[in-house]
N, C-alpha and C. Protein backbone atom coordinates (compact mmCIF):
# COMPACT_ATOMS: atom_id res chain seq x y z
N MET A 1 0.84 -1.17 0.00
CA MET A 1 0.00 0.00 0.00
C MET A 1 0.89 1.24 0.00
N ARG A 2 0.51 2.22 -0.80
CA ARG A 2 1.30 3.45 -0.91
C ARG A 2 0.56 4.58 -0.19
N PHE A 3 1.29 5.26 0.68
CA PHE A 3 0.72 6.37 1.44
C PHE A 3 1.31 7.69 0.96
N GLU A 4 0.48 8.71 0.90
CA GLU A 4 0.97 10.06 0.65
C GLU A 4 1.23 10.69 1.99
N LEU A 5 2.49 10.93 2.29
CA LEU A 5 2.82 11.54 3.57
C LEU A 5 2.39 12.99 3.63
N PHE A 6 2.63 13.70 2.56
CA PHE A 6 2.32 15.12 2.54
C PHE A 6 1.54 15.44 1.28
N LYS A 7 0.44 16.09 1.46
CA LYS A 7 -0.36 16.51 0.32
C LYS A 7 -0.71 17.97 0.55
N SER A 8 -0.30 18.82 -0.37
CA SER A 8 -0.56 20.24 -0.20
C SER A 8 -2.00 20.57 -0.53
N LYS A 9 -2.50 21.59 0.15
CA LYS A 9 -3.81 22.13 -0.18
C LYS A 9 -3.82 23.59 0.19
N ILE A 10 -4.65 24.34 -0.48
CA ILE A 10 -4.72 25.78 -0.26
C ILE A 10 -5.43 26.04 1.07
N LEU A 11 -4.78 26.82 1.92
CA LEU A 11 -5.35 27.18 3.22
C LEU A 11 -5.60 28.68 3.33
N THR A 12 -5.31 29.42 2.28
CA THR A 12 -5.38 30.88 2.36
C THR A 12 -6.68 31.45 1.82
N ASP A 13 -7.60 30.61 1.38
CA ASP A 13 -8.90 31.14 0.93
C ASP A 13 -9.54 31.95 2.05
N GLY A 14 -10.02 33.11 1.73
CA GLY A 14 -10.68 33.96 2.71
C GLY A 14 -9.78 35.02 3.32
N PHE A 15 -8.48 34.89 3.16
CA PHE A 15 -7.56 35.90 3.67
C PHE A 15 -7.43 37.03 2.65
N THR A 16 -7.18 38.25 3.13
CA THR A 16 -6.96 39.37 2.23
C THR A 16 -5.57 39.25 1.61
N ASN A 17 -5.24 40.15 0.71
CA ASN A 17 -3.90 40.13 0.11
C ASN A 17 -2.83 40.60 1.09
N LYS A 18 -3.23 40.97 2.30
CA LYS A 18 -2.27 41.37 3.34
C LYS A 18 -2.04 40.24 4.35
N ILE A 19 -2.33 39.00 3.96
CA ILE A 19 -2.06 37.87 4.85
C ILE A 19 -0.58 37.89 5.21
N GLU A 20 -0.29 37.67 6.48
CA GLU A 20 1.09 37.73 6.98
C GLU A 20 1.25 36.80 8.16
N GLY A 21 2.48 36.50 8.46
CA GLY A 21 2.95 35.97 9.72
C GLY A 21 2.25 34.77 10.31
N PRO A 22 2.18 33.64 9.64
CA PRO A 22 1.49 32.49 10.22
C PRO A 22 2.24 31.90 11.40
N SER A 23 1.47 31.36 12.34
CA SER A 23 1.99 30.61 13.48
C SER A 23 1.12 29.38 13.67
N CYS A 24 1.69 28.36 14.28
CA CYS A 24 0.95 27.11 14.50
C CYS A 24 0.99 26.78 15.99
N ASP A 25 -0.19 26.44 16.55
CA ASP A 25 -0.24 26.07 17.96
C ASP A 25 0.00 24.56 18.13
N LYS A 26 0.01 24.11 19.38
CA LYS A 26 0.32 22.71 19.67
C LYS A 26 -0.71 21.74 19.12
N ASP A 27 -1.92 22.23 18.80
CA ASP A 27 -2.97 21.38 18.26
C ASP A 27 -3.01 21.37 16.74
N GLY A 28 -2.09 22.10 16.11
CA GLY A 28 -2.02 22.12 14.66
C GLY A 28 -2.86 23.20 14.00
N ASN A 29 -3.46 24.10 14.79
CA ASN A 29 -4.19 25.23 14.22
C ASN A 29 -3.20 26.27 13.72
N ILE A 30 -3.51 26.87 12.60
CA ILE A 30 -2.67 27.93 12.04
C ILE A 30 -3.37 29.26 12.23
N TYR A 31 -2.62 30.26 12.67
CA TYR A 31 -3.14 31.62 12.86
C TYR A 31 -2.37 32.54 11.91
N ALA A 32 -3.09 33.40 11.22
CA ALA A 32 -2.46 34.39 10.34
C ALA A 32 -3.34 35.63 10.34
N VAL A 33 -2.75 36.76 10.03
CA VAL A 33 -3.49 38.02 10.10
C VAL A 33 -4.28 38.29 8.82
N ASN A 34 -5.32 39.08 9.01
CA ASN A 34 -6.15 39.63 7.92
C ASN A 34 -7.00 38.58 7.20
N TYR A 35 -7.83 37.92 7.99
CA TYR A 35 -8.81 36.98 7.44
C TYR A 35 -10.11 37.73 7.16
N GLN A 36 -10.58 37.70 5.98
CA GLN A 36 -11.79 38.35 5.47
C GLN A 36 -11.66 39.86 5.38
N ARG A 37 -10.97 40.48 6.34
CA ARG A 37 -10.75 41.93 6.29
C ARG A 37 -9.50 42.25 7.11
N ASP A 38 -8.90 43.38 6.80
CA ASP A 38 -7.73 43.82 7.55
C ASP A 38 -8.12 44.05 9.01
N GLY A 39 -7.20 43.80 9.92
CA GLY A 39 -7.45 44.03 11.33
C GLY A 39 -8.01 42.81 12.05
N THR A 40 -7.93 41.65 11.44
CA THR A 40 -8.40 40.42 12.07
C THR A 40 -7.26 39.42 12.13
N VAL A 41 -7.50 38.35 12.88
CA VAL A 41 -6.62 37.19 12.87
C VAL A 41 -7.50 36.00 12.53
N GLY A 42 -7.08 35.26 11.52
CA GLY A 42 -7.82 34.07 11.13
C GLY A 42 -7.22 32.82 11.74
N LYS A 43 -8.06 31.81 11.86
CA LYS A 43 -7.63 30.51 12.38
C LYS A 43 -8.02 29.45 11.35
N VAL A 44 -7.05 28.61 11.01
CA VAL A 44 -7.29 27.49 10.10
C VAL A 44 -7.04 26.21 10.90
N THR A 45 -8.06 25.38 11.04
CA THR A 45 -7.94 24.13 11.79
C THR A 45 -7.20 23.08 10.97
N PRO A 46 -6.73 22.02 11.62
CA PRO A 46 -6.02 20.97 10.86
C PRO A 46 -6.85 20.37 9.72
N ASN A 47 -8.18 20.41 9.82
CA ASN A 47 -9.00 19.88 8.72
C ASN A 47 -9.27 20.93 7.64
N GLY A 48 -8.68 22.13 7.78
CA GLY A 48 -8.78 23.15 6.74
C GLY A 48 -9.93 24.13 6.89
N LYS A 49 -10.67 24.07 7.99
CA LYS A 49 -11.77 25.01 8.21
C LYS A 49 -11.21 26.35 8.70
N SER A 50 -11.58 27.43 8.01
CA SER A 50 -11.08 28.78 8.33
C SER A 50 -12.18 29.62 8.93
N SER A 51 -11.78 30.50 9.86
CA SER A 51 -12.73 31.44 10.46
C SER A 51 -11.96 32.61 11.05
N VAL A 52 -12.70 33.68 11.36
CA VAL A 52 -12.11 34.79 12.09
C VAL A 52 -11.91 34.33 13.53
N PHE A 53 -10.69 34.42 14.02
CA PHE A 53 -10.41 34.08 15.40
C PHE A 53 -10.67 35.27 16.31
N ILE A 54 -10.10 36.42 15.97
CA ILE A 54 -10.33 37.66 16.72
C ILE A 54 -10.29 38.84 15.77
N ALA A 55 -10.88 39.93 16.20
CA ALA A 55 -10.71 41.23 15.55
C ALA A 55 -9.83 42.07 16.47
N LEU A 56 -8.83 42.69 15.90
CA LEU A 56 -7.95 43.56 16.68
C LEU A 56 -8.67 44.85 17.03
N PRO A 57 -8.16 45.61 17.99
CA PRO A 57 -8.76 46.91 18.32
C PRO A 57 -8.82 47.81 17.09
N PRO A 58 -9.73 48.78 17.09
CA PRO A 58 -9.89 49.67 15.93
C PRO A 58 -8.57 50.31 15.49
N ASP A 59 -8.39 50.39 14.18
CA ASP A 59 -7.22 51.00 13.54
C ASP A 59 -5.93 50.20 13.68
N SER A 60 -6.00 49.01 14.23
CA SER A 60 -4.82 48.15 14.32
C SER A 60 -4.85 47.15 13.17
N ILE A 61 -3.68 46.89 12.61
CA ILE A 61 -3.55 45.87 11.56
C ILE A 61 -2.31 45.04 11.89
N GLY A 62 -2.49 43.75 11.96
CA GLY A 62 -1.41 42.86 12.34
C GLY A 62 -0.49 42.52 11.19
N CYS A 63 0.70 42.07 11.58
CA CYS A 63 1.69 41.54 10.64
C CYS A 63 2.10 40.17 11.15
N GLY A 64 3.29 40.08 11.71
CA GLY A 64 3.80 38.81 12.18
C GLY A 64 3.13 38.33 13.44
N THR A 65 3.11 37.01 13.63
CA THR A 65 2.59 36.39 14.84
C THR A 65 3.59 35.34 15.33
N ARG A 66 3.54 35.07 16.61
CA ARG A 66 4.29 33.97 17.22
C ARG A 66 3.53 33.51 18.44
N ILE A 67 3.68 32.24 18.80
CA ILE A 67 3.03 31.66 19.96
C ILE A 67 4.12 31.21 20.93
N ASP A 68 3.98 31.63 22.20
CA ASP A 68 4.99 31.25 23.19
C ASP A 68 4.69 29.86 23.75
N PRO A 69 5.60 29.30 24.54
CA PRO A 69 5.39 27.96 25.08
C PRO A 69 4.15 27.82 25.97
N ASN A 70 3.64 28.93 26.51
CA ASN A 70 2.45 28.89 27.37
C ASN A 70 1.16 29.06 26.59
N GLY A 71 1.24 29.22 25.27
CA GLY A 71 0.03 29.34 24.46
C GLY A 71 -0.48 30.75 24.29
N THR A 72 0.38 31.75 24.46
CA THR A 72 -0.01 33.13 24.19
C THR A 72 0.38 33.47 22.76
N LEU A 73 -0.55 34.03 22.02
CA LEU A 73 -0.33 34.45 20.64
C LEU A 73 0.09 35.92 20.66
N TYR A 74 1.24 36.22 20.09
CA TYR A 74 1.72 37.60 19.98
C TYR A 74 1.51 38.07 18.55
N ILE A 75 1.10 39.31 18.40
CA ILE A 75 0.81 39.88 17.09
C ILE A 75 1.46 41.25 17.01
N ALA A 76 2.26 41.48 15.98
CA ALA A 76 2.85 42.80 15.72
C ALA A 76 1.80 43.65 15.01
N ASP A 77 1.51 44.81 15.56
CA ASP A 77 0.55 45.76 15.01
C ASP A 77 1.32 46.93 14.40
N TYR A 78 1.43 46.93 13.09
CA TYR A 78 2.27 47.94 12.44
C TYR A 78 1.65 49.32 12.43
N LYS A 79 0.35 49.44 12.60
CA LYS A 79 -0.30 50.75 12.56
C LYS A 79 -0.14 51.51 13.87
N LYS A 80 -0.19 50.82 15.00
CA LYS A 80 -0.20 51.49 16.31
C LYS A 80 1.04 51.20 17.14
N HIS A 81 2.07 50.55 16.53
CA HIS A 81 3.34 50.29 17.21
C HIS A 81 3.18 49.40 18.44
N ASN A 82 2.24 48.46 18.37
CA ASN A 82 1.97 47.55 19.47
C ASN A 82 2.49 46.15 19.19
N ILE A 83 2.70 45.43 20.27
CA ILE A 83 2.79 43.98 20.22
C ILE A 83 1.65 43.52 21.13
N PHE A 84 0.66 42.87 20.53
CA PHE A 84 -0.47 42.36 21.31
C PHE A 84 -0.15 40.98 21.84
N ALA A 85 -0.74 40.66 22.98
CA ALA A 85 -0.72 39.31 23.55
C ALA A 85 -2.16 38.83 23.59
N VAL A 86 -2.41 37.65 23.06
CA VAL A 86 -3.77 37.10 23.01
C VAL A 86 -3.78 35.74 23.69
N ASN A 87 -4.66 35.58 24.65
CA ASN A 87 -4.86 34.28 25.29
C ASN A 87 -5.65 33.41 24.31
N LEU A 88 -5.05 32.30 23.87
CA LEU A 88 -5.71 31.46 22.86
C LEU A 88 -6.99 30.81 23.37
N GLU A 89 -7.10 30.63 24.67
CA GLU A 89 -8.32 30.02 25.23
C GLU A 89 -9.46 31.02 25.36
N THR A 90 -9.17 32.20 25.93
CA THR A 90 -10.24 33.18 26.21
C THR A 90 -10.39 34.22 25.11
N LYS A 91 -9.40 34.31 24.23
CA LYS A 91 -9.32 35.32 23.17
C LYS A 91 -9.15 36.74 23.70
N GLU A 92 -8.79 36.87 24.98
CA GLU A 92 -8.55 38.19 25.56
C GLU A 92 -7.31 38.81 24.93
N ILE A 93 -7.45 40.05 24.49
CA ILE A 93 -6.36 40.79 23.83
C ILE A 93 -5.84 41.84 24.80
N SER A 94 -4.52 41.89 24.96
CA SER A 94 -3.90 42.95 25.77
C SER A 94 -2.69 43.48 25.01
N ILE A 95 -2.28 44.67 25.37
CA ILE A 95 -1.05 45.23 24.79
C ILE A 95 0.11 44.72 25.61
N HIS A 96 0.95 43.92 24.99
CA HIS A 96 2.14 43.40 25.65
C HIS A 96 3.25 44.45 25.65
N ALA A 97 3.37 45.17 24.53
CA ALA A 97 4.39 46.21 24.41
C ALA A 97 3.89 47.28 23.45
N ASN A 98 4.30 48.51 23.70
CA ASN A 98 4.02 49.62 22.79
C ASN A 98 5.22 50.54 22.84
N ASN A 99 5.69 50.94 21.66
CA ASN A 99 6.81 51.87 21.61
C ASN A 99 6.64 52.75 20.38
N PRO A 100 6.32 54.04 20.58
CA PRO A 100 6.16 54.95 19.44
C PRO A 100 7.42 55.10 18.59
N SER A 101 8.58 54.68 19.11
CA SER A 101 9.82 54.75 18.33
C SER A 101 9.92 53.65 17.29
N MET A 102 9.02 52.69 17.37
CA MET A 102 8.99 51.65 16.35
C MET A 102 8.44 52.24 15.07
N ASN A 103 9.03 51.86 13.93
CA ASN A 103 8.51 52.29 12.64
C ASN A 103 7.18 51.60 12.36
N GLN A 104 7.28 50.32 12.06
CA GLN A 104 6.13 49.49 11.73
C GLN A 104 6.48 48.06 12.10
N PRO A 105 6.35 47.66 13.38
CA PRO A 105 6.76 46.31 13.75
C PRO A 105 6.11 45.29 12.82
N ASN A 106 6.93 44.40 12.30
CA ASN A 106 6.50 43.55 11.20
C ASN A 106 6.53 42.08 11.59
N ASP A 107 7.66 41.45 11.46
CA ASP A 107 7.75 40.02 11.75
C ASP A 107 8.29 39.79 13.15
N LEU A 108 7.87 38.67 13.76
CA LEU A 108 8.27 38.32 15.11
C LEU A 108 8.99 36.99 15.13
N ALA A 109 9.91 36.85 16.07
CA ALA A 109 10.55 35.58 16.41
C ALA A 109 10.50 35.48 17.92
N ILE A 110 10.57 34.27 18.45
CA ILE A 110 10.46 34.09 19.90
C ILE A 110 11.42 32.99 20.37
N THR A 111 12.02 33.22 21.55
CA THR A 111 12.89 32.21 22.15
C THR A 111 12.04 31.27 23.00
N GLU A 112 12.65 30.18 23.44
CA GLU A 112 11.94 29.25 24.33
C GLU A 112 11.56 29.91 25.65
N GLN A 113 12.29 30.95 26.04
CA GLN A 113 12.00 31.67 27.27
C GLN A 113 10.92 32.74 27.08
N GLY A 114 10.44 32.93 25.86
CA GLY A 114 9.38 33.90 25.61
C GLY A 114 9.85 35.30 25.25
N VAL A 115 11.14 35.48 25.02
CA VAL A 115 11.65 36.79 24.59
C VAL A 115 11.37 36.92 23.09
N LEU A 116 10.78 38.05 22.73
CA LEU A 116 10.43 38.31 21.33
C LEU A 116 11.49 39.18 20.66
N PHE A 117 11.61 39.00 19.36
CA PHE A 117 12.39 39.89 18.51
C PHE A 117 11.46 40.36 17.41
N ALA A 118 11.56 41.63 17.06
CA ALA A 118 10.70 42.19 16.02
C ALA A 118 11.52 42.91 14.97
N SER A 119 11.33 42.51 13.71
CA SER A 119 11.89 43.31 12.62
C SER A 119 11.00 44.53 12.48
N ASP A 120 11.60 45.64 12.09
CA ASP A 120 10.87 46.91 12.11
C ASP A 120 11.28 47.77 10.91
N PRO A 121 10.78 47.41 9.72
CA PRO A 121 11.16 48.18 8.53
C PRO A 121 10.53 49.56 8.52
N ASN A 122 11.11 50.42 7.73
CA ASN A 122 10.50 51.71 7.42
C ASN A 122 10.33 51.70 5.91
N TRP A 123 9.13 51.45 5.46
CA TRP A 123 8.88 51.28 4.03
C TRP A 123 8.96 52.62 3.28
N PHE A 124 8.99 53.72 4.01
CA PHE A 124 9.03 55.03 3.36
C PHE A 124 10.43 55.61 3.31
N GLN A 125 11.29 55.21 4.23
CA GLN A 125 12.68 55.69 4.26
C GLN A 125 13.60 54.47 4.31
N GLN A 126 14.12 54.09 3.16
CA GLN A 126 15.03 52.96 3.12
C GLN A 126 16.22 53.26 4.05
N ASN A 127 16.81 52.24 4.57
CA ASN A 127 17.96 52.32 5.49
C ASN A 127 17.60 52.86 6.87
N LYS A 128 16.32 52.90 7.20
CA LYS A 128 15.91 53.34 8.54
C LYS A 128 15.29 52.20 9.33
N GLY A 129 15.46 50.96 8.86
CA GLY A 129 14.91 49.80 9.55
C GLY A 129 15.57 49.57 10.89
N GLN A 130 14.85 48.88 11.76
CA GLN A 130 15.33 48.64 13.12
C GLN A 130 15.06 47.20 13.52
N LEU A 131 15.70 46.80 14.61
CA LEU A 131 15.49 45.49 15.20
C LEU A 131 15.28 45.68 16.70
N TRP A 132 14.24 45.06 17.23
CA TRP A 132 13.87 45.21 18.64
C TRP A 132 13.87 43.87 19.37
N ARG A 133 14.22 43.92 20.67
CA ARG A 133 14.03 42.79 21.58
C ARG A 133 12.93 43.22 22.55
N ILE A 134 11.95 42.36 22.74
CA ILE A 134 10.84 42.64 23.66
C ILE A 134 10.88 41.58 24.75
N LEU A 135 11.14 42.01 25.96
CA LEU A 135 11.25 41.07 27.08
C LEU A 135 9.87 40.57 27.50
N THR A 136 9.86 39.54 28.35
CA THR A 136 8.60 38.94 28.78
C THR A 136 7.72 39.91 29.57
N ASN A 137 8.32 40.95 30.13
CA ASN A 137 7.53 41.96 30.85
C ASN A 137 7.05 43.08 29.93
N GLY A 138 7.36 42.99 28.62
CA GLY A 138 6.91 43.99 27.66
C GLY A 138 7.89 45.12 27.41
N ASN A 139 9.00 45.16 28.14
CA ASN A 139 9.99 46.21 27.91
C ASN A 139 10.65 46.01 26.55
N THR A 140 10.79 47.11 25.81
CA THR A 140 11.38 47.05 24.48
C THR A 140 12.80 47.60 24.52
N HIS A 141 13.67 46.97 23.74
CA HIS A 141 15.07 47.39 23.66
C HIS A 141 15.47 47.43 22.19
N LEU A 142 15.92 48.58 21.73
CA LEU A 142 16.40 48.72 20.37
C LEU A 142 17.76 48.04 20.25
N LEU A 143 17.87 47.08 19.35
CA LEU A 143 19.13 46.35 19.17
C LEU A 143 19.94 46.90 18.01
N GLU A 144 19.26 47.37 16.97
CA GLU A 144 19.95 47.83 15.77
C GLU A 144 19.09 48.86 15.06
N ARG A 145 19.72 49.84 14.46
CA ARG A 145 19.01 50.84 13.67
C ARG A 145 19.73 51.03 12.35
N ASN A 146 19.09 51.77 11.45
CA ASN A 146 19.68 52.08 10.13
C ASN A 146 20.18 50.82 9.41
N MET A 147 19.34 49.80 9.41
CA MET A 147 19.78 48.51 8.86
C MET A 147 19.06 48.12 7.57
N GLY A 148 18.70 49.08 6.76
CA GLY A 148 18.01 48.75 5.52
C GLY A 148 16.53 48.55 5.80
N THR A 149 15.96 47.56 5.17
CA THR A 149 14.54 47.27 5.34
C THR A 149 14.38 45.83 5.83
N PRO A 150 14.53 45.60 7.14
CA PRO A 150 14.44 44.23 7.64
C PRO A 150 13.01 43.70 7.47
N ASN A 151 12.91 42.56 6.85
CA ASN A 151 11.60 41.95 6.62
C ASN A 151 11.74 40.47 6.90
N GLY A 152 11.42 40.10 8.11
CA GLY A 152 11.54 38.72 8.54
C GLY A 152 12.63 38.58 9.58
N ILE A 153 12.41 37.64 10.51
CA ILE A 153 13.40 37.38 11.56
C ILE A 153 13.12 36.00 12.12
N GLU A 154 14.17 35.35 12.62
CA GLU A 154 14.02 34.05 13.25
C GLU A 154 15.12 33.87 14.27
N VAL A 155 14.88 33.00 15.25
CA VAL A 155 15.85 32.65 16.27
C VAL A 155 16.47 31.32 15.85
N SER A 156 17.81 31.20 16.01
CA SER A 156 18.49 29.96 15.64
C SER A 156 18.01 28.80 16.52
N PRO A 157 18.13 27.57 16.03
CA PRO A 157 17.65 26.42 16.80
C PRO A 157 18.26 26.32 18.20
N ASP A 158 19.51 26.78 18.38
CA ASP A 158 20.11 26.73 19.71
C ASP A 158 19.73 27.92 20.58
N GLY A 159 18.95 28.88 20.02
CA GLY A 159 18.48 30.02 20.78
C GLY A 159 19.51 31.09 21.03
N LYS A 160 20.69 30.97 20.45
CA LYS A 160 21.76 31.91 20.73
C LYS A 160 21.85 33.08 19.75
N ASN A 161 21.22 32.95 18.60
CA ASN A 161 21.32 33.98 17.59
C ASN A 161 19.94 34.30 17.01
N TYR A 162 19.80 35.50 16.53
CA TYR A 162 18.61 35.87 15.79
C TYR A 162 19.09 36.39 14.46
N MET A 163 18.32 36.14 13.44
CA MET A 163 18.72 36.56 12.09
C MET A 163 17.53 36.93 11.27
């Protein structure tokens, strides 16, 4: 008997053209921003069923997402310079971090300890991109500035480097 181990299928139906930053929880659900309309987070179940998971506060639009080991979903809000924290069980949304010095927080990476890193491009002024570290208490620390247009970030498997 021959088994297909992996079979691709489209999971992005219903997302706007601003779909960004997917994350996967321990149950295999995928979360990505801008489902049906900007300012939402969509959830795609392992069987492919999609729905709006949450709507962000007014005038907020998400980019990157990451889920910490405790099941908190973090969302970079490029419009309001926020990093939201969302309880996946209750769907309660809180501001984990806010820093007006951020250009447009975009993609997120997370360590096993829950420390976030955010790429922060400036799409209007090239070479004004930044990189931020966001501690578990929400404190933000600028790590790098004037670095072009950073778009994407990840933590190395050993947790010692971010790139």
